[in-house]
């Protein structure tokens, strides 16, 4: 749900404010396995359910940290960080990422997004920095906190 008055031309007025919170997403083993296939990261802690149940300190497989990070794109659009009047949004990189709590297979996660900065970069272009806090249902500490950059462009 978009914030009232949240547009590319007014985005600076929203710096320091919460943009919103995403819906919960279940991180199923199938998604973890698919990510392992895409990245060739088949470390047993992610893909060997039986071994992880026996040997892991977490008692199950856990999602790749970069899988958690990759979900930021989905959450960015779901929450409405990109204003409706922006024609394009480009990943501009990351300033800081911390993986704090492993995401066990089957856990639910969501993203709490705060706008940290909005810097004009020429006509119709704004570089935004947002803090993404990926929460795990039932956990006190977040899975990840990241400061992500995006270039928003209007035609």
N, C-alpha and C. Protein backbone atom coordinates (compact mmCIF):
# COMPACT_ATOMS: atom_id res chain seq x y z
N UNK A 1 0.85 -1.18 0.00
CA UNK A 1 0.00 0.00 0.00
C UNK A 1 0.90 1.24 0.00
N UNK A 2 0.67 2.09 -0.98
CA UNK A 2 1.51 3.28 -1.14
C UNK A 2 1.17 4.34 -0.08
N UNK A 3 2.18 5.07 0.32
CA UNK A 3 1.97 6.19 1.25
C UNK A 3 1.29 7.33 0.52
N UNK A 4 0.37 7.98 1.17
CA UNK A 4 -0.33 9.11 0.56
C UNK A 4 0.67 10.23 0.27
N UNK A 5 0.63 10.73 -0.97
CA UNK A 5 1.51 11.82 -1.37
C UNK A 5 2.92 11.39 -1.72
N UNK A 6 3.19 10.11 -1.71
CA UNK A 6 4.53 9.57 -1.98
C UNK A 6 4.75 9.51 -3.48
N UNK A 7 5.55 10.45 -3.99
CA UNK A 7 5.87 10.54 -5.41
C UNK A 7 7.35 10.86 -5.55
N UNK A 8 7.83 10.71 -6.76
CA UNK A 8 9.23 11.02 -7.01
C UNK A 8 9.55 12.46 -6.63
N UNK A 9 8.63 13.36 -6.92
CA UNK A 9 8.85 14.78 -6.64
C UNK A 9 8.78 15.13 -5.16
N UNK A 10 8.17 14.26 -4.35
CA UNK A 10 8.02 14.54 -2.92
C UNK A 10 8.79 13.55 -2.03
N UNK A 11 9.54 12.66 -2.65
CA UNK A 11 10.15 11.55 -1.91
C UNK A 11 11.05 12.03 -0.77
N UNK A 12 11.72 13.18 -0.94
CA UNK A 12 12.61 13.68 0.10
C UNK A 12 11.86 13.98 1.40
N UNK A 13 10.59 14.29 1.31
CA UNK A 13 9.77 14.56 2.50
C UNK A 13 9.55 13.30 3.34
N UNK A 14 9.82 12.14 2.78
CA UNK A 14 9.57 10.87 3.47
C UNK A 14 10.83 10.25 4.06
N UNK A 15 11.97 10.93 3.92
CA UNK A 15 13.22 10.42 4.48
C UNK A 15 13.07 10.31 6.00
N UNK A 16 13.50 9.17 6.53
CA UNK A 16 13.40 8.91 7.96
C UNK A 16 12.12 8.22 8.36
N UNK A 17 11.23 8.03 7.42
CA UNK A 17 9.93 7.41 7.72
C UNK A 17 9.87 5.97 7.25
N UNK A 18 9.01 5.22 7.88
CA UNK A 18 8.73 3.86 7.44
C UNK A 18 7.95 3.92 6.14
N UNK A 19 8.38 3.14 5.16
CA UNK A 19 7.65 3.04 3.91
C UNK A 19 6.57 1.97 4.05
N UNK A 20 6.85 0.93 4.82
CA UNK A 20 5.86 -0.11 5.06
C UNK A 20 6.49 -1.43 5.42
N UNK A 21 5.62 -2.42 5.58
CA UNK A 21 6.02 -3.77 5.94
C UNK A 21 5.39 -4.73 4.95
N UNK A 22 6.19 -5.65 4.45
CA UNK A 22 5.69 -6.62 3.47
C UNK A 22 4.82 -7.68 4.14
N UNK A 23 4.20 -8.48 3.30
CA UNK A 23 3.52 -9.68 3.78
C UNK A 23 4.58 -10.71 4.17
N UNK A 24 4.15 -11.71 4.93
CA UNK A 24 5.06 -12.81 5.28
C UNK A 24 5.27 -13.69 4.06
N UNK A 25 6.49 -14.22 3.92
CA UNK A 25 6.84 -15.16 2.86
C UNK A 25 7.47 -16.38 3.53
N UNK A 26 6.99 -17.57 3.17
CA UNK A 26 7.56 -18.80 3.70
C UNK A 26 8.77 -19.18 2.87
N UNK A 27 9.87 -19.46 3.55
CA UNK A 27 11.10 -19.89 2.88
C UNK A 27 11.13 -21.42 2.93
N UNK A 28 10.56 -22.01 1.91
CA UNK A 28 10.45 -23.48 1.85
C UNK A 28 11.75 -24.10 1.34
N UNK A 29 11.94 -25.36 1.66
CA UNK A 29 13.14 -26.07 1.21
C UNK A 29 13.25 -26.04 -0.32
N UNK A 30 12.13 -26.13 -1.00
CA UNK A 30 12.16 -26.10 -2.46
C UNK A 30 12.81 -24.80 -2.98
N UNK A 31 12.48 -23.68 -2.36
CA UNK A 31 13.08 -22.39 -2.76
C UNK A 31 14.58 -22.39 -2.48
N UNK A 32 14.97 -22.93 -1.35
CA UNK A 32 16.40 -23.01 -1.00
C UNK A 32 17.14 -23.87 -2.02
N UNK A 33 16.54 -25.01 -2.38
CA UNK A 33 17.15 -25.90 -3.37
C UNK A 33 17.27 -25.22 -4.73
N UNK A 34 16.24 -24.48 -5.12
CA UNK A 34 16.27 -23.76 -6.40
C UNK A 34 17.37 -22.70 -6.40
N UNK A 35 17.53 -22.01 -5.27
CA UNK A 35 18.59 -21.01 -5.17
C UNK A 35 19.96 -21.68 -5.26
N UNK A 36 20.10 -22.84 -4.62
CA UNK A 36 21.36 -23.59 -4.69
C UNK A 36 21.68 -23.94 -6.13
N UNK A 37 20.67 -24.34 -6.89
CA UNK A 37 20.88 -24.67 -8.31
C UNK A 37 21.33 -23.45 -9.10
N UNK A 38 20.70 -22.32 -8.85
CA UNK A 38 21.05 -21.09 -9.59
C UNK A 38 22.45 -20.60 -9.29
N UNK A 39 22.92 -20.81 -8.08
CA UNK A 39 24.19 -20.23 -7.65
C UNK A 39 25.32 -21.25 -7.53
N UNK A 40 24.99 -22.53 -7.73
CA UNK A 40 25.97 -23.62 -7.54
C UNK A 40 26.52 -23.65 -6.11
N UNK A 41 25.73 -23.19 -5.16
CA UNK A 41 26.10 -23.26 -3.74
C UNK A 41 25.29 -24.39 -3.10
N UNK A 42 25.87 -25.59 -3.11
CA UNK A 42 25.17 -26.78 -2.61
C UNK A 42 25.70 -27.21 -1.24
N UNK A 43 26.18 -26.27 -0.46
CA UNK A 43 26.69 -26.59 0.88
C UNK A 43 25.61 -27.36 1.65
N UNK A 44 26.00 -28.39 2.34
CA UNK A 44 25.04 -29.29 2.99
C UNK A 44 24.11 -28.58 3.96
N UNK A 45 24.57 -27.52 4.59
CA UNK A 45 23.74 -26.79 5.57
C UNK A 45 22.48 -26.22 4.92
N UNK A 46 22.52 -26.08 3.60
CA UNK A 46 21.37 -25.56 2.86
C UNK A 46 20.52 -26.66 2.22
N UNK A 47 21.14 -27.72 1.74
CA UNK A 47 20.41 -28.65 0.88
C UNK A 47 20.28 -30.08 1.40
N UNK A 48 21.03 -30.46 2.40
CA UNK A 48 20.95 -31.83 2.92
C UNK A 48 20.10 -31.85 4.19
N UNK A 49 18.83 -32.10 4.01
CA UNK A 49 17.86 -32.02 5.12
C UNK A 49 18.21 -32.98 6.25
N UNK A 50 18.54 -34.22 5.92
CA UNK A 50 18.83 -35.22 6.95
C UNK A 50 20.11 -34.87 7.72
N UNK A 51 21.15 -34.52 6.99
CA UNK A 51 22.41 -34.18 7.66
C UNK A 51 22.25 -32.94 8.52
N UNK A 52 21.54 -31.94 8.00
CA UNK A 52 21.34 -30.71 8.78
C UNK A 52 20.56 -31.00 10.06
N UNK A 53 19.59 -31.89 9.98
CA UNK A 53 18.82 -32.26 11.17
C UNK A 53 19.72 -32.92 12.21
N UNK A 54 20.69 -33.72 11.74
CA UNK A 54 21.61 -34.43 12.64
C UNK A 54 22.74 -33.55 13.16
N UNK A 55 23.36 -32.75 12.25
CA UNK A 55 24.64 -32.13 12.57
C UNK A 55 24.61 -30.62 12.74
N UNK A 56 23.60 -29.98 12.24
CA UNK A 56 23.59 -28.51 12.29
C UNK A 56 23.19 -28.00 13.67
N UNK A 57 23.80 -26.92 14.06
CA UNK A 57 23.42 -26.27 15.32
C UNK A 57 22.00 -25.70 15.24
N UNK A 58 21.48 -25.57 14.03
CA UNK A 58 20.15 -24.99 13.85
C UNK A 58 19.05 -26.04 13.79
N UNK A 59 19.42 -27.33 13.69
CA UNK A 59 18.44 -28.41 13.71
C UNK A 59 17.72 -28.62 12.39
N UNK A 60 18.09 -27.86 11.38
CA UNK A 60 17.48 -28.00 10.06
C UNK A 60 18.36 -27.29 9.05
N UNK A 61 17.98 -27.39 7.79
CA UNK A 61 18.66 -26.60 6.78
C UNK A 61 18.31 -25.13 6.99
N UNK A 62 19.17 -24.26 6.45
CA UNK A 62 18.92 -22.82 6.53
C UNK A 62 19.09 -22.22 5.13
N UNK A 63 18.40 -21.14 4.89
CA UNK A 63 18.49 -20.43 3.62
C UNK A 63 19.86 -19.80 3.47
N UNK A 64 20.30 -19.70 2.24
CA UNK A 64 21.52 -18.95 1.94
C UNK A 64 21.30 -17.50 2.33
N UNK A 65 22.31 -16.86 2.87
CA UNK A 65 22.19 -15.43 3.17
C UNK A 65 21.84 -14.63 1.94
N UNK A 66 22.44 -15.01 0.80
CA UNK A 66 22.18 -14.27 -0.43
C UNK A 66 20.77 -14.52 -0.97
N UNK A 67 20.15 -15.62 -0.59
CA UNK A 67 18.73 -15.82 -0.92
C UNK A 67 17.89 -14.79 -0.18
N UNK A 68 18.18 -14.61 1.10
CA UNK A 68 17.49 -13.60 1.88
C UNK A 68 17.69 -12.22 1.26
N UNK A 69 18.92 -11.92 0.88
CA UNK A 69 19.22 -10.64 0.25
C UNK A 69 18.48 -10.48 -1.07
N UNK A 70 18.39 -11.54 -1.85
CA UNK A 70 17.72 -11.47 -3.15
C UNK A 70 16.24 -11.14 -3.03
N UNK A 71 15.64 -11.42 -1.90
CA UNK A 71 14.21 -11.13 -1.72
C UNK A 71 13.93 -9.63 -1.63
N UNK A 72 14.97 -8.81 -1.46
CA UNK A 72 14.75 -7.36 -1.36
C UNK A 72 14.04 -6.80 -2.59
N UNK A 73 14.35 -7.32 -3.76
CA UNK A 73 13.69 -6.83 -4.98
C UNK A 73 12.18 -7.03 -4.89
N UNK A 74 11.76 -8.21 -4.50
CA UNK A 74 10.34 -8.49 -4.35
C UNK A 74 9.70 -7.55 -3.34
N UNK A 75 10.33 -7.44 -2.18
CA UNK A 75 9.76 -6.63 -1.10
C UNK A 75 9.73 -5.15 -1.45
N UNK A 76 10.73 -4.68 -2.18
CA UNK A 76 10.79 -3.27 -2.59
C UNK A 76 9.52 -2.89 -3.35
N UNK A 77 9.12 -3.73 -4.28
CA UNK A 77 7.92 -3.43 -5.07
C UNK A 77 6.64 -3.68 -4.28
N UNK A 78 6.62 -4.76 -3.50
CA UNK A 78 5.42 -5.08 -2.72
C UNK A 78 5.07 -3.96 -1.76
N UNK A 79 6.06 -3.42 -1.08
CA UNK A 79 5.82 -2.39 -0.08
C UNK A 79 5.55 -1.03 -0.72
N UNK A 80 6.10 -0.81 -1.91
CA UNK A 80 5.86 0.46 -2.59
C UNK A 80 6.98 1.47 -2.43
N UNK A 81 8.20 0.99 -2.22
CA UNK A 81 9.34 1.91 -2.13
C UNK A 81 9.51 2.70 -3.43
N UNK A 82 9.22 2.06 -4.55
CA UNK A 82 9.30 2.73 -5.85
C UNK A 82 7.97 3.43 -6.07
N UNK A 83 7.97 4.78 -6.12
CA UNK A 83 6.70 5.50 -6.30
C UNK A 83 6.06 5.18 -7.65
N UNK A 84 4.75 5.30 -7.69
CA UNK A 84 4.00 4.95 -8.91
C UNK A 84 4.43 5.79 -10.11
N UNK A 85 4.93 7.00 -9.88
CA UNK A 85 5.31 7.86 -11.00
C UNK A 85 6.75 7.65 -11.46
N UNK A 86 7.46 6.69 -10.86
CA UNK A 86 8.80 6.34 -11.34
C UNK A 86 8.63 5.28 -12.43
N UNK A 87 9.17 5.57 -13.61
CA UNK A 87 9.05 4.64 -14.73
C UNK A 87 10.02 3.47 -14.63
N UNK A 88 11.16 3.72 -13.98
CA UNK A 88 12.19 2.70 -13.87
C UNK A 88 12.86 2.78 -12.51
N UNK A 89 13.33 1.63 -12.07
CA UNK A 89 14.12 1.56 -10.83
C UNK A 89 15.29 0.62 -11.09
N UNK A 90 16.49 1.10 -10.81
CA UNK A 90 17.69 0.30 -11.04
C UNK A 90 18.39 0.02 -9.72
N UNK A 91 18.79 -1.24 -9.53
CA UNK A 91 19.61 -1.60 -8.39
C UNK A 91 20.92 -0.82 -8.51
N UNK A 92 21.26 -0.07 -7.47
CA UNK A 92 22.45 0.77 -7.50
C UNK A 92 23.52 0.24 -6.54
N UNK A 93 23.19 -0.84 -5.83
CA UNK A 93 24.18 -1.44 -4.94
C UNK A 93 23.73 -1.45 -3.49
N UNK A 94 24.68 -1.72 -2.63
CA UNK A 94 24.43 -1.83 -1.20
C UNK A 94 25.49 -1.06 -0.44
N UNK A 95 25.08 -0.40 0.63
CA UNK A 95 26.05 0.26 1.49
C UNK A 95 26.46 -0.64 2.65
N UNK A 96 25.55 -1.45 3.14
CA UNK A 96 25.84 -2.26 4.31
C UNK A 96 24.86 -3.43 4.35
N UNK A 97 25.38 -4.60 4.67
CA UNK A 97 24.53 -5.79 4.84
C UNK A 97 25.07 -6.57 6.03
N UNK A 98 24.17 -6.97 6.90
CA UNK A 98 24.54 -7.82 8.03
C UNK A 98 23.54 -8.96 8.13
N UNK A 99 24.06 -10.20 8.15
CA UNK A 99 23.23 -11.39 8.33
C UNK A 99 23.32 -11.74 9.81
N UNK A 100 22.21 -11.64 10.51
CA UNK A 100 22.24 -11.73 11.97
C UNK A 100 21.67 -13.04 12.53
N UNK A 101 20.65 -13.56 11.89
CA UNK A 101 20.01 -14.78 12.36
C UNK A 101 19.72 -15.67 11.16
N UNK A 102 20.13 -16.94 11.19
CA UNK A 102 19.85 -17.82 10.07
C UNK A 102 18.33 -18.03 9.89
N UNK A 103 17.92 -18.17 8.64
CA UNK A 103 16.51 -18.43 8.31
C UNK A 103 16.37 -19.93 8.07
N UNK A 104 15.71 -20.61 9.01
CA UNK A 104 15.51 -22.05 8.88
C UNK A 104 14.49 -22.34 7.78
N UNK A 105 14.67 -23.47 7.13
CA UNK A 105 13.69 -23.90 6.13
C UNK A 105 12.32 -23.98 6.79
N UNK A 106 11.32 -23.43 6.11
CA UNK A 106 9.96 -23.41 6.64
C UNK A 106 9.61 -22.15 7.40
N UNK A 107 10.59 -21.31 7.69
CA UNK A 107 10.34 -20.07 8.45
C UNK A 107 9.63 -19.04 7.56
N UNK A 108 8.94 -18.13 8.22
CA UNK A 108 8.30 -17.00 7.53
C UNK A 108 9.13 -15.76 7.77
N UNK A 109 9.34 -14.99 6.69
CA UNK A 109 10.09 -13.74 6.80
C UNK A 109 9.27 -12.61 6.18
N UNK A 110 9.58 -11.40 6.61
CA UNK A 110 8.98 -10.20 6.02
C UNK A 110 10.00 -9.08 6.11
N UNK A 111 9.72 -8.01 5.36
CA UNK A 111 10.65 -6.89 5.26
C UNK A 111 10.00 -5.63 5.80
N UNK A 112 10.70 -4.96 6.69
CA UNK A 112 10.29 -3.66 7.22
C UNK A 112 11.22 -2.63 6.60
N UNK A 113 10.66 -1.72 5.77
CA UNK A 113 11.47 -0.80 4.98
C UNK A 113 11.34 0.63 5.50
N UNK A 114 12.49 1.27 5.68
CA UNK A 114 12.57 2.67 6.08
C UNK A 114 13.39 3.42 5.03
N UNK A 115 12.89 4.57 4.60
CA UNK A 115 13.63 5.40 3.64
C UNK A 115 14.68 6.19 4.40
N UNK A 116 15.95 5.99 4.06
CA UNK A 116 17.05 6.66 4.76
C UNK A 116 17.53 7.92 4.07
N UNK A 117 17.46 7.95 2.73
CA UNK A 117 17.96 9.10 1.98
C UNK A 117 17.32 9.14 0.61
N UNK A 118 17.21 10.35 0.06
CA UNK A 118 16.71 10.56 -1.29
C UNK A 118 17.49 11.74 -1.87
N UNK A 119 18.39 11.44 -2.80
CA UNK A 119 19.29 12.45 -3.34
C UNK A 119 19.00 12.69 -4.82
N UNK A 120 18.58 13.90 -5.18
CA UNK A 120 18.35 14.20 -6.60
C UNK A 120 19.63 14.01 -7.41
N UNK A 121 19.50 13.43 -8.59
CA UNK A 121 20.65 13.16 -9.45
C UNK A 121 20.39 13.68 -10.87
N UNK A 122 19.68 14.78 -10.97
CA UNK A 122 19.36 15.34 -12.27
C UNK A 122 17.87 15.26 -12.52
N UNK A 123 17.42 15.84 -13.62
CA UNK A 123 15.98 15.85 -13.90
C UNK A 123 15.37 14.45 -13.94
N UNK A 124 14.37 14.24 -13.12
CA UNK A 124 13.65 12.97 -13.10
C UNK A 124 14.42 11.79 -12.55
N UNK A 125 15.49 12.04 -11.80
CA UNK A 125 16.31 10.96 -11.25
C UNK A 125 16.57 11.21 -9.76
N UNK A 126 16.33 10.18 -8.96
CA UNK A 126 16.57 10.27 -7.52
C UNK A 126 17.24 8.98 -7.07
N UNK A 127 18.36 9.12 -6.35
CA UNK A 127 19.03 7.98 -5.75
C UNK A 127 18.49 7.83 -4.33
N UNK A 128 17.90 6.68 -4.05
CA UNK A 128 17.35 6.45 -2.71
C UNK A 128 18.16 5.38 -1.99
N UNK A 129 18.23 5.53 -0.68
CA UNK A 129 18.81 4.52 0.20
C UNK A 129 17.71 4.11 1.16
N UNK A 130 17.50 2.81 1.26
CA UNK A 130 16.47 2.28 2.15
C UNK A 130 17.08 1.23 3.06
N UNK A 131 16.62 1.24 4.30
CA UNK A 131 17.00 0.18 5.23
C UNK A 131 15.94 -0.91 5.14
N UNK A 132 16.41 -2.13 4.90
CA UNK A 132 15.55 -3.31 4.85
C UNK A 132 15.87 -4.17 6.06
N UNK A 133 14.88 -4.38 6.91
CA UNK A 133 15.05 -5.25 8.06
C UNK A 133 14.21 -6.49 7.82
N UNK A 134 14.87 -7.61 7.57
CA UNK A 134 14.17 -8.86 7.31
C UNK A 134 13.92 -9.56 8.64
N UNK A 135 12.67 -9.60 9.02
CA UNK A 135 12.26 -10.20 10.29
C UNK A 135 11.87 -11.67 10.06
N UNK A 136 12.10 -12.48 11.08
CA UNK A 136 11.70 -13.89 11.07
C UNK A 136 10.59 -14.04 12.09
N UNK A 137 9.49 -14.62 11.66
CA UNK A 137 8.35 -14.84 12.54
C UNK A 137 8.79 -15.66 13.76
N UNK A 138 8.59 -15.11 14.95
CA UNK A 138 8.91 -15.81 16.18
C UNK A 138 10.34 -15.62 16.68
N UNK A 139 11.16 -14.89 15.95
CA UNK A 139 12.55 -14.66 16.37
C UNK A 139 12.70 -13.23 16.87
N UNK A 140 13.50 -13.04 17.90
CA UNK A 140 13.71 -11.70 18.46
C UNK A 140 14.62 -10.85 17.57
N UNK A 141 15.64 -11.47 16.99
CA UNK A 141 16.59 -10.73 16.16
C UNK A 141 16.23 -10.92 14.69
N UNK A 142 16.47 -9.91 13.87
CA UNK A 142 16.18 -10.05 12.43
C UNK A 142 17.16 -11.01 11.75
N UNK A 143 16.74 -11.50 10.60
CA UNK A 143 17.61 -12.34 9.78
C UNK A 143 18.72 -11.49 9.18
N UNK A 144 18.34 -10.28 8.74
CA UNK A 144 19.27 -9.44 8.01
C UNK A 144 18.84 -7.99 8.11
N UNK A 145 19.82 -7.10 8.11
CA UNK A 145 19.57 -5.67 7.97
C UNK A 145 20.49 -5.20 6.84
N UNK A 146 19.89 -4.55 5.84
CA UNK A 146 20.67 -4.09 4.69
C UNK A 146 20.28 -2.66 4.32
N UNK A 147 21.26 -1.91 3.89
CA UNK A 147 21.02 -0.59 3.32
C UNK A 147 21.22 -0.72 1.81
N UNK A 148 20.11 -0.63 1.09
CA UNK A 148 20.13 -0.84 -0.37
C UNK A 148 19.92 0.48 -1.09
N UNK A 149 20.59 0.61 -2.22
CA UNK A 149 20.48 1.82 -3.05
C UNK A 149 19.72 1.50 -4.32
N UNK A 150 18.90 2.45 -4.76
CA UNK A 150 18.18 2.30 -6.02
C UNK A 150 18.11 3.66 -6.71
N UNK A 151 18.31 3.65 -8.02
CA UNK A 151 18.14 4.85 -8.82
C UNK A 151 16.74 4.81 -9.40
N UNK A 152 15.94 5.81 -9.04
CA UNK A 152 14.57 5.92 -9.54
C UNK A 152 14.55 6.93 -10.67
N UNK A 153 13.87 6.60 -11.76
CA UNK A 153 13.86 7.44 -12.94
C UNK A 153 12.44 7.63 -13.44
N UNK A 154 12.10 8.88 -13.74
CA UNK A 154 10.83 9.21 -14.38
C UNK A 154 11.14 9.76 -15.76
N UNK A 155 10.25 9.48 -16.73
CA UNK A 155 10.51 10.02 -18.07
C UNK A 155 9.99 11.42 -18.21
